[in-house]
């Protein structure tokens, strides 16, 4: 579990650096397509971090709740997240 969090943190820190770079690109009036490509790269890192966090949640929190007979609330949480992913 700790290794997963390290991976998520690394992706988030890299995305933060990319976002700082994107802001600088905009301030320098750089080419729009180059800026857009960097935004896509940052989004990809955020998605990767989110996937790691959600996988960890399913493997531990949801699994433990289901085993103890309290899984409905955790399943509802996951369904709300999936709704955000699917409808956006």
PDB file of N, CA and C in Angstrom:
ATOM      1  N   UNK A   1       0.819  -1.190   0.000  1.00  0.00           N
ATOM      2  CA  UNK A   1       0.000   0.000   0.000  1.00  0.00           C
ATOM      3  C   UNK A   1       0.864   1.255   0.000  1.00  0.00           C
ATOM      4  N   UNK A   2       1.929   1.248   0.749  1.00  0.00           N
ATOM      5  CA  UNK A   2       2.792   2.421   0.820  1.00  0.00           C
ATOM      6  C   UNK A   2       3.446   2.713  -0.537  1.00  0.00           C
ATOM      7  N   UNK A   3       3.810   1.663  -1.261  1.00  0.00           N
ATOM      8  CA  UNK A   3       4.427   1.838  -2.578  1.00  0.00           C
ATOM      9  C   UNK A   3       3.443   2.489  -3.554  1.00  0.00           C
ATOM     10  N   UNK A   4       2.178   2.096  -3.469  1.00  0.00           N
ATOM     11  CA  UNK A   4       1.148   2.694  -4.316  1.00  0.00           C
ATOM     12  C   UNK A   4       1.019   4.189  -4.048  1.00  0.00           C
ATOM     13  N   UNK A   5       1.040   4.560  -2.785  1.00  0.00           N
ATOM     14  CA  UNK A   5       0.937   5.982  -2.440  1.00  0.00           C
ATOM     15  C   UNK A   5       2.145   6.764  -2.954  1.00  0.00           C
ATOM     16  N   UNK A   6       3.316   6.147  -2.917  1.00  0.00           N
ATOM     17  CA  UNK A   6       4.517   6.801  -3.460  1.00  0.00           C
ATOM     18  C   UNK A   6       4.342   7.064  -4.953  1.00  0.00           C
ATOM     19  N   UNK A   7       3.809   6.079  -5.667  1.00  0.00           N
ATOM     20  CA  UNK A   7       3.586   6.233  -7.108  1.00  0.00           C
ATOM     21  C   UNK A   7       2.575   7.340  -7.388  1.00  0.00           C
ATOM     22  N   UNK A   8       1.504   7.370  -6.615  1.00  0.00           N
ATOM     23  CA  UNK A   8       0.490   8.416  -6.794  1.00  0.00           C
ATOM     24  C   UNK A   8       1.100   9.785  -6.509  1.00  0.00           C
ATOM     25  N   UNK A   9       1.857   9.887  -5.434  1.00  0.00           N
ATOM     26  CA  UNK A   9       2.493  11.160  -5.081  1.00  0.00           C
ATOM     27  C   UNK A   9       3.454  11.620  -6.171  1.00  0.00           C
ATOM     28  N   UNK A  10       4.219  10.691  -6.730  1.00  0.00           N
ATOM     29  CA  UNK A  10       5.160  11.051  -7.787  1.00  0.00           C
ATOM     30  C   UNK A  10       4.429  11.578  -9.010  1.00  0.00           C
ATOM     31  N   UNK A  11       3.332  10.933  -9.379  1.00  0.00           N
ATOM     32  CA  UNK A  11       2.538  11.410 -10.517  1.00  0.00           C
ATOM     33  C   UNK A  11       1.985  12.802 -10.246  1.00  0.00           C
ATOM     34  N   UNK A  12       1.497  13.029  -9.024  1.00  0.00           N
ATOM     35  CA  UNK A  12       0.940  14.332  -8.678  1.00  0.00           C
ATOM     36  C   UNK A  12       2.007  15.422  -8.660  1.00  0.00           C
ATOM     37  N   UNK A  13       3.179  15.104  -8.145  1.00  0.00           N
ATOM     38  CA  UNK A  13       4.263  16.089  -8.113  1.00  0.00           C
ATOM     39  C   UNK A  13       4.742  16.420  -9.523  1.00  0.00           C
ATOM     40  N   UNK A  14       4.795  15.407 -10.377  1.00  0.00           N
ATOM     41  CA  UNK A  14       5.180  15.642 -11.766  1.00  0.00           C
ATOM     42  C   UNK A  14       4.131  16.500 -12.454  1.00  0.00           C
ATOM     43  N   UNK A  15       2.848  16.210 -12.209  1.00  0.00           N
ATOM     44  CA  UNK A  15       1.766  17.016 -12.794  1.00  0.00           C
ATOM     45  C   UNK A  15       1.851  18.457 -12.308  1.00  0.00           C
ATOM     46  N   UNK A  16       2.161  18.640 -11.025  1.00  0.00           N
ATOM     47  CA  UNK A  16       2.303  20.000 -10.492  1.00  0.00           C
ATOM     48  C   UNK A  16       3.405  20.750 -11.244  1.00  0.00           C
ATOM     49  N   UNK A  17       4.527  20.082 -11.493  1.00  0.00           N
ATOM     50  CA  UNK A  17       5.607  20.700 -12.252  1.00  0.00           C
ATOM     51  C   UNK A  17       5.178  21.040 -13.673  1.00  0.00           C
ATOM     52  N   UNK A  18       4.424  20.124 -14.273  1.00  0.00           N
ATOM     53  CA  UNK A  18       3.937  20.391 -15.629  1.00  0.00           C
ATOM     54  C   UNK A  18       2.973  21.573 -15.640  1.00  0.00           C
ATOM     55  N   UNK A  19       2.109  21.656 -14.646  1.00  0.00           N
ATOM     56  CA  UNK A  19       1.155  22.767 -14.583  1.00  0.00           C
ATOM     57  C   UNK A  19       1.893  24.090 -14.419  1.00  0.00           C
ATOM     58  N   UNK A  20       2.927  24.106 -13.589  1.00  0.00           N
ATOM     59  CA  UNK A  20       3.751  25.322 -13.472  1.00  0.00           C
ATOM     60  C   UNK A  20       4.353  25.692 -14.828  1.00  0.00           C
ATOM     61  N   UNK A  21       4.801  24.669 -15.556  1.00  0.00           N
ATOM     62  CA  UNK A  21       5.353  24.903 -16.886  1.00  0.00           C
ATOM     63  C   UNK A  21       4.311  25.418 -17.862  1.00  0.00           C
ATOM     64  N   UNK A  22       3.093  24.901 -17.765  1.00  0.00           N
ATOM     65  CA  UNK A  22       2.002  25.345 -18.634  1.00  0.00           C
ATOM     66  C   UNK A  22       1.680  26.815 -18.364  1.00  0.00           C
ATOM     67  N   UNK A  23       1.639  27.185 -17.104  1.00  0.00           N
ATOM     68  CA  UNK A  23       1.370  28.583 -16.747  1.00  0.00           C
ATOM     69  C   UNK A  23       2.437  29.489 -17.350  1.00  0.00           C
ATOM     70  N   UNK A  24       3.676  29.050 -17.261  1.00  0.00           N
ATOM     71  CA  UNK A  24       4.777  29.833 -17.828  1.00  0.00           C
ATOM     72  C   UNK A  24       4.634  29.934 -19.352  1.00  0.00           C
ATOM     73  N   UNK A  25       4.244  28.820 -19.980  1.00  0.00           N
ATOM     74  CA  UNK A  25       4.049  28.840 -21.428  1.00  0.00           C
ATOM     75  C   UNK A  25       2.982  29.852 -21.829  1.00  0.00           C
ATOM     76  N   UNK A  26       1.904  29.904 -21.063  1.00  0.00           N
ATOM     77  CA  UNK A  26       0.825  30.852 -21.357  1.00  0.00           C
ATOM     78  C   UNK A  26       1.317  32.280 -21.158  1.00  0.00           C
ATOM     79  N   UNK A  27       2.048  32.505 -20.075  1.00  0.00           N
ATOM     80  CA  UNK A  27       2.592  33.840 -19.807  1.00  0.00           C
ATOM     81  C   UNK A  27       3.541  34.282 -20.911  1.00  0.00           C
ATOM     82  N   UNK A  28       4.259  33.335 -21.501  1.00  0.00           N
ATOM     83  CA  UNK A  28       5.210  33.642 -22.572  1.00  0.00           C
ATOM     84  C   UNK A  28       4.545  33.645 -23.947  1.00  0.00           C
ATOM     85  N   UNK A  29       3.211  33.456 -23.969  1.00  0.00           N
ATOM     86  CA  UNK A  29       2.451  33.464 -25.217  1.00  0.00           C
ATOM     87  C   UNK A  29       2.958  32.423 -26.207  1.00  0.00           C
ATOM     88  N   UNK A  30       3.206  31.223 -25.694  1.00  0.00           N
ATOM     89  CA  UNK A  30       3.692  30.126 -26.536  1.00  0.00           C
ATOM     90  C   UNK A  30       2.569  29.595 -27.430  1.00  0.00           C
ATOM     91  N   UNK A  31       2.934  28.768 -28.367  1.00  0.00           N
ATOM     92  CA  UNK A  31       2.019  28.218 -29.363  1.00  0.00           C
ATOM     93  C   UNK A  31       0.918  27.399 -28.684  1.00  0.00           C
ATOM     94  N   UNK A  32      -0.322  27.665 -29.056  1.00  0.00           N
ATOM     95  CA  UNK A  32      -1.495  27.069 -28.407  1.00  0.00           C
ATOM     96  C   UNK A  32      -1.477  25.535 -28.404  1.00  0.00           C
ATOM     97  N   UNK A  33      -1.088  24.948 -29.511  1.00  0.00           N
ATOM     98  CA  UNK A  33      -1.077  23.484 -29.611  1.00  0.00           C
ATOM     99  C   UNK A  33      -0.049  22.893 -28.651  1.00  0.00           C
ATOM    100  N   UNK A  34       1.087  23.546 -28.505  1.00  0.00           N
ATOM    101  CA  UNK A  34       2.090  23.075 -27.547  1.00  0.00           C
ATOM    102  C   UNK A  34       1.542  23.129 -26.121  1.00  0.00           C
ATOM    103  N   UNK A  35       0.836  24.194 -25.810  1.00  0.00           N
ATOM    104  CA  UNK A  35       0.221  24.334 -24.485  1.00  0.00           C
ATOM    105  C   UNK A  35      -0.821  23.233 -24.282  1.00  0.00           C
ATOM    106  N   UNK A  36      -1.650  23.029 -25.274  1.00  0.00           N
ATOM    107  CA  UNK A  36      -2.697  22.008 -25.179  1.00  0.00           C
ATOM    108  C   UNK A  36      -2.100  20.621 -24.960  1.00  0.00           C
ATOM    109  N   UNK A  37      -1.035  20.301 -25.680  1.00  0.00           N
ATOM    110  CA  UNK A  37      -0.379  19.006 -25.500  1.00  0.00           C
ATOM    111  C   UNK A  37       0.147  18.834 -24.077  1.00  0.00           C
ATOM    112  N   UNK A  38       0.666  19.894 -23.500  1.00  0.00           N
ATOM    113  CA  UNK A  38       1.158  19.826 -22.119  1.00  0.00           C
ATOM    114  C   UNK A  38       0.000  19.663 -21.134  1.00  0.00           C
ATOM    115  N   UNK A  39      -1.133  20.276 -21.429  1.00  0.00           N
ATOM    116  CA  UNK A  39      -2.319  20.099 -20.582  1.00  0.00           C
ATOM    117  C   UNK A  39      -2.770  18.642 -20.616  1.00  0.00           C
ATOM    118  N   UNK A  40      -2.794  18.041 -21.804  1.00  0.00           N
ATOM    119  CA  UNK A  40      -3.147  16.623 -21.908  1.00  0.00           C
ATOM    120  C   UNK A  40      -2.180  15.748 -21.107  1.00  0.00           C
ATOM    121  N   UNK A  41      -0.904  16.072 -21.150  1.00  0.00           N
ATOM    122  CA  UNK A  41       0.087  15.300 -20.399  1.00  0.00           C
ATOM    123  C   UNK A  41      -0.165  15.411 -18.893  1.00  0.00           C
ATOM    124  N   UNK A  42      -0.483  16.599 -18.414  1.00  0.00           N
ATOM    125  CA  UNK A  42      -0.777  16.790 -16.990  1.00  0.00           C
ATOM    126  C   UNK A  42      -2.054  16.036 -16.605  1.00  0.00           C
ATOM    127  N   UNK A  43      -3.060  16.092 -17.465  1.00  0.00           N
ATOM    128  CA  UNK A  43      -4.305  15.366 -17.196  1.00  0.00           C
ATOM    129  C   UNK A  43      -4.046  13.859 -17.104  1.00  0.00           C
ATOM    130  N   UNK A  44      -3.194  13.365 -17.957  1.00  0.00           N
ATOM    131  CA  UNK A  44      -2.863  11.944 -17.944  1.00  0.00           C
ATOM    132  C   UNK A  44      -2.227  11.532 -16.610  1.00  0.00           C
ATOM    133  N   UNK A  45      -1.340  12.369 -16.103  1.00  0.00           N
ATOM    134  CA  UNK A  45      -0.720  12.083 -14.807  1.00  0.00           C
ATOM    135  C   UNK A  45      -1.738  12.128 -13.670  1.00  0.00           C
ATOM    136  N   UNK A  46      -2.672  13.075 -13.728  1.00  0.00           N
ATOM    137  CA  UNK A  46      -3.715  13.150 -12.708  1.00  0.00           C
ATOM    138  C   UNK A  46      -4.612  11.913 -12.761  1.00  0.00           C
ATOM    139  N   UNK A  47      -4.944  11.473 -13.958  1.00  0.00           N
ATOM    140  CA  UNK A  47      -5.756  10.261 -14.106  1.00  0.00           C
ATOM    141  C   UNK A  47      -5.020   9.042 -13.559  1.00  0.00           C
ATOM    142  N   UNK A  48      -3.726   8.973 -13.833  1.00  0.00           N
ATOM    143  CA  UNK A  48      -2.915   7.858 -13.343  1.00  0.00           C
ATOM    144  C   UNK A  48      -2.910   7.836 -11.811  1.00  0.00           C
ATOM    145  N   UNK A  49      -2.721   8.975 -11.196  1.00  0.00           N
ATOM    146  CA  UNK A  49      -2.716   9.064  -9.738  1.00  0.00           C
ATOM    147  C   UNK A  49      -4.082   8.676  -9.180  1.00  0.00           C
ATOM    148  N   UNK A  50      -5.136   9.145  -9.812  1.00  0.00           N
ATOM    149  CA  UNK A  50      -6.486   8.826  -9.351  1.00  0.00           C
ATOM    150  C   UNK A  50      -6.749   7.328  -9.448  1.00  0.00           C
ATOM    151  N   UNK A  51      -6.314   6.712 -10.516  1.00  0.00           N
ATOM    152  CA  UNK A  51      -6.499   5.271 -10.689  1.00  0.00           C
ATOM    153  C   UNK A  51      -5.790   4.502  -9.577  1.00  0.00           C
ATOM    154  N   UNK A  52      -4.587   4.909  -9.230  1.00  0.00           N
ATOM    155  CA  UNK A  52      -3.840   4.256  -8.151  1.00  0.00           C
ATOM    156  C   UNK A  52      -4.605   4.391  -6.833  1.00  0.00           C
ATOM    157  N   UNK A  53      -5.089   5.589  -6.544  1.00  0.00           N
ATOM    158  CA  UNK A  53      -5.832   5.832  -5.308  1.00  0.00           C
ATOM    159  C   UNK A  53      -7.116   5.001  -5.280  1.00  0.00           C
ATOM    160  N   UNK A  54      -7.856   4.982  -6.372  1.00  0.00           N
ATOM    161  CA  UNK A  54      -9.101   4.224  -6.416  1.00  0.00           C
ATOM    162  C   UNK A  54      -8.868   2.721  -6.333  1.00  0.00           C
ATOM    163  N   UNK A  55      -7.824   2.243  -6.978  1.00  0.00           N
ATOM    164  CA  UNK A  55      -7.494   0.818  -6.898  1.00  0.00           C
ATOM    165  C   UNK A  55      -7.162   0.433  -5.457  1.00  0.00           C
ATOM    166  N   UNK A  56      -6.414   1.298  -4.780  1.00  0.00           N
ATOM    167  CA  UNK A  56      -6.080   1.060  -3.382  1.00  0.00           C
ATOM    168  C   UNK A  56      -7.360   1.058  -2.526  1.00  0.00           C
ATOM    169  N   UNK A  57      -8.254   1.976  -2.804  1.00  0.00           N
ATOM    170  CA  UNK A  57      -9.517   2.058  -2.067  1.00  0.00           C
ATOM    171  C   UNK A  57     -10.333   0.781  -2.246  1.00  0.00           C
ATOM    172  N   UNK A  58     -10.431   0.310  -3.488  1.00  0.00           N
ATOM    173  CA  UNK A  58     -11.183  -0.921  -3.752  1.00  0.00           C
ATOM    174  C   UNK A  58     -10.545  -2.131  -3.076  1.00  0.00           C
ATOM    175  N   UNK A  59      -9.232  -2.203  -3.157  1.00  0.00           N
ATOM    176  CA  UNK A  59      -8.508  -3.361  -2.615  1.00  0.00           C
ATOM    177  C   UNK A  59      -8.529  -3.437  -1.100  1.00  0.00           C
ATOM    178  N   UNK A  60      -8.683  -2.306  -0.467  1.00  0.00           N
ATOM    179  CA  UNK A  60      -8.612  -2.298   0.997  1.00  0.00           C
ATOM    180  C   UNK A  60      -9.918  -1.850   1.634  1.00  0.00           C
ATOM    181  N   UNK A  61     -10.303  -0.610   1.453  1.00  0.00           N
ATOM    182  CA  UNK A  61     -11.477  -0.047   2.135  1.00  0.00           C
ATOM    183  C   UNK A  61     -12.765  -0.758   1.739  1.00  0.00           C
ATOM    184  N   UNK A  62     -12.999  -0.887   0.439  1.00  0.00           N
ATOM    185  CA  UNK A  62     -14.234  -1.506  -0.030  1.00  0.00           C
ATOM    186  C   UNK A  62     -14.236  -2.991   0.318  1.00  0.00           C
ATOM    187  N   UNK A  63     -13.133  -3.645   0.078  1.00  0.00           N
ATOM    188  CA  UNK A  63     -13.026  -5.078   0.386  1.00  0.00           C
ATOM    189  C   UNK A  63     -13.288  -5.342   1.870  1.00  0.00           C
ATOM    190  N   UNK A  64     -12.643  -4.568   2.742  1.00  0.00           N
ATOM    191  CA  UNK A  64     -12.833  -4.742   4.186  1.00  0.00           C
ATOM    192  C   UNK A  64     -14.277  -4.467   4.603  1.00  0.00           C
ATOM    193  N   UNK A  65     -14.884  -3.434   4.018  1.00  0.00           N
ATOM    194  CA  UNK A  65     -16.269  -3.107   4.342  1.00  0.00           C
ATOM    195  C   UNK A  65     -17.212  -4.229   3.908  1.00  0.00           C
ATOM    196  N   UNK A  66     -16.972  -4.804   2.745  1.00  0.00           N
ATOM    197  CA  UNK A  66     -17.815  -5.903   2.259  1.00  0.00           C
ATOM    198  C   UNK A  66     -17.674  -7.140   3.149  1.00  0.00           C
ATOM    199  N   UNK A  67     -16.454  -7.440   3.549  1.00  0.00           N
ATOM    200  CA  UNK A  67     -16.214  -8.588   4.425  1.00  0.00           C
ATOM    201  C   UNK A  67     -16.933  -8.421   5.761  1.00  0.00           C
ATOM    202  N   UNK A  68     -16.958  -7.191   6.273  1.00  0.00           N
ATOM    203  CA  UNK A  68     -17.588  -6.944   7.566  1.00  0.00           C
ATOM    204  C   UNK A  68     -19.101  -6.706   7.439  1.00  0.00           C
ATOM    205  N   UNK A  69     -19.629  -6.790   6.216  1.00  0.00           N
ATOM    206  CA  UNK A  69     -21.058  -6.633   6.012  1.00  0.00           C
ATOM    207  C   UNK A  69     -21.522  -5.193   5.882  1.00  0.00           C
ATOM    208  N   UNK A  70     -20.582  -4.274   5.695  1.00  0.00           N
ATOM    209  CA  UNK A  70     -20.912  -2.850   5.584  1.00  0.00           C
ATOM    210  C   UNK A  70     -20.482  -2.271   4.239  1.00  0.00           C
ATOM    211  N   UNK A  71     -20.636  -3.041   3.201  1.00  0.00           N
ATOM    212  CA  UNK A  71     -20.126  -2.633   1.901  1.00  0.00           C
ATOM    213  C   UNK A  71     -21.001  -1.696   1.099  1.00  0.00           C
ATOM    214  N   UNK A  72     -22.278  -1.603   1.445  1.00  0.00           N
ATOM    215  CA  UNK A  72     -23.206  -0.800   0.634  1.00  0.00           C
ATOM    216  C   UNK A  72     -22.765   0.655   0.492  1.00  0.00           C
ATOM    217  N   UNK A  73     -22.353   1.270   1.575  1.00  0.00           N
ATOM    218  CA  UNK A  73     -21.934   2.673   1.524  1.00  0.00           C
ATOM    219  C   UNK A  73     -20.704   2.849   0.633  1.00  0.00           C
ATOM    220  N   UNK A  74     -19.745   1.941   0.761  1.00  0.00           N
ATOM    221  CA  UNK A  74     -18.532   2.023  -0.061  1.00  0.00           C
ATOM    222  C   UNK A  74     -18.843   1.794  -1.530  1.00  0.00           C
ATOM    223  N   UNK A  75     -19.753   0.884  -1.804  1.00  0.00           N
ATOM    224  CA  UNK A  75     -20.145   0.630  -3.192  1.00  0.00           C
ATOM    225  C   UNK A  75     -20.847   1.858  -3.768  1.00  0.00           C
ATOM    226  N   UNK A  76     -21.687   2.508  -2.969  1.00  0.00           N
ATOM    227  CA  UNK A  76     -22.334   3.747  -3.421  1.00  0.00           C
ATOM    228  C   UNK A  76     -21.302   4.819  -3.757  1.00  0.00           C
ATOM    229  N   UNK A  77     -20.261   4.930  -2.935  1.00  0.00           N
ATOM    230  CA  UNK A  77     -19.189   5.904  -3.210  1.00  0.00           C
ATOM    231  C   UNK A  77     -18.525   5.625  -4.552  1.00  0.00           C
ATOM    232  N   UNK A  78     -18.215   4.362  -4.791  1.00  0.00           N
ATOM    233  CA  UNK A  78     -17.572   3.983  -6.050  1.00  0.00           C
ATOM    234  C   UNK A  78     -18.503   4.250  -7.227  1.00  0.00           C
ATOM    235  N   UNK A  79     -19.780   3.991  -7.066  1.00  0.00           N
ATOM    236  CA  UNK A  79     -20.740   4.255  -8.137  1.00  0.00           C
ATOM    237  C   UNK A  79     -20.794   5.741  -8.468  1.00  0.00           C
ATOM    238  N   UNK A  80     -20.703   6.607  -7.468  1.00  0.00           N
ATOM    239  CA  UNK A  80     -20.699   8.052  -7.720  1.00  0.00           C
ATOM    240  C   UNK A  80     -19.451   8.469  -8.493  1.00  0.00           C
ATOM    241  N   UNK A  81     -18.326   7.870  -8.146  1.00  0.00           N
ATOM    242  CA  UNK A  81     -17.077   8.149  -8.873  1.00  0.00           C
ATOM    243  C   UNK A  81     -17.208   7.672 -10.324  1.00  0.00           C
ATOM    244  N   UNK A  82     -17.721   6.462 -10.519  1.00  0.00           N
ATOM    245  CA  UNK A  82     -17.890   5.934 -11.876  1.00  0.00           C
ATOM    246  C   UNK A  82     -18.843   6.816 -12.691  1.00  0.00           C
ATOM    247  N   UNK A  83     -19.878   7.330 -12.051  1.00  0.00           N
ATOM    248  CA  UNK A  83     -20.804   8.224 -12.738  1.00  0.00           C
ATOM    249  C   UNK A  83     -20.062   9.471 -13.243  1.00  0.00           C
ATOM    250  N   UNK A  84     -19.161  10.007 -12.427  1.00  0.00           N
ATOM    251  CA  UNK A  84     -18.373  11.173 -12.852  1.00  0.00           C
ATOM    252  C   UNK A  84     -17.496  10.832 -14.051  1.00  0.00           C
ATOM    253  N   UNK A  85     -16.911   9.652 -14.032  1.00  0.00           N
ATOM    254  CA  UNK A  85     -16.009   9.240 -15.114  1.00  0.00           C
ATOM    255  C   UNK A  85     -16.795   9.017 -16.409  1.00  0.00           C
ATOM    256  N   UNK A  86     -17.911   8.358 -16.291  1.00  0.00           N
ATOM    257  CA  UNK A  86     -18.685   7.973 -17.480  1.00  0.00           C
ATOM    258  C   UNK A  86     -19.414   9.152 -18.101  1.00  0.00           C
ATOM    259  N   UNK A  87     -19.949  10.057 -17.289  1.00  0.00           N
ATOM    260  CA  UNK A  87     -20.771  11.139 -17.830  1.00  0.00           C
ATOM    261  C   UNK A  87     -19.982  12.387 -18.189  1.00  0.00           C
ATOM    262  N   UNK A  88     -18.715  12.385 -17.988  1.00  0.00           N
ATOM    263  CA  UNK A  88     -17.927  13.577 -18.343  1.00  0.00           C
ATOM    264  C   UNK A  88     -17.149  13.366 -19.588  1.00  0.00           C
TER     265      UNK A  88
END
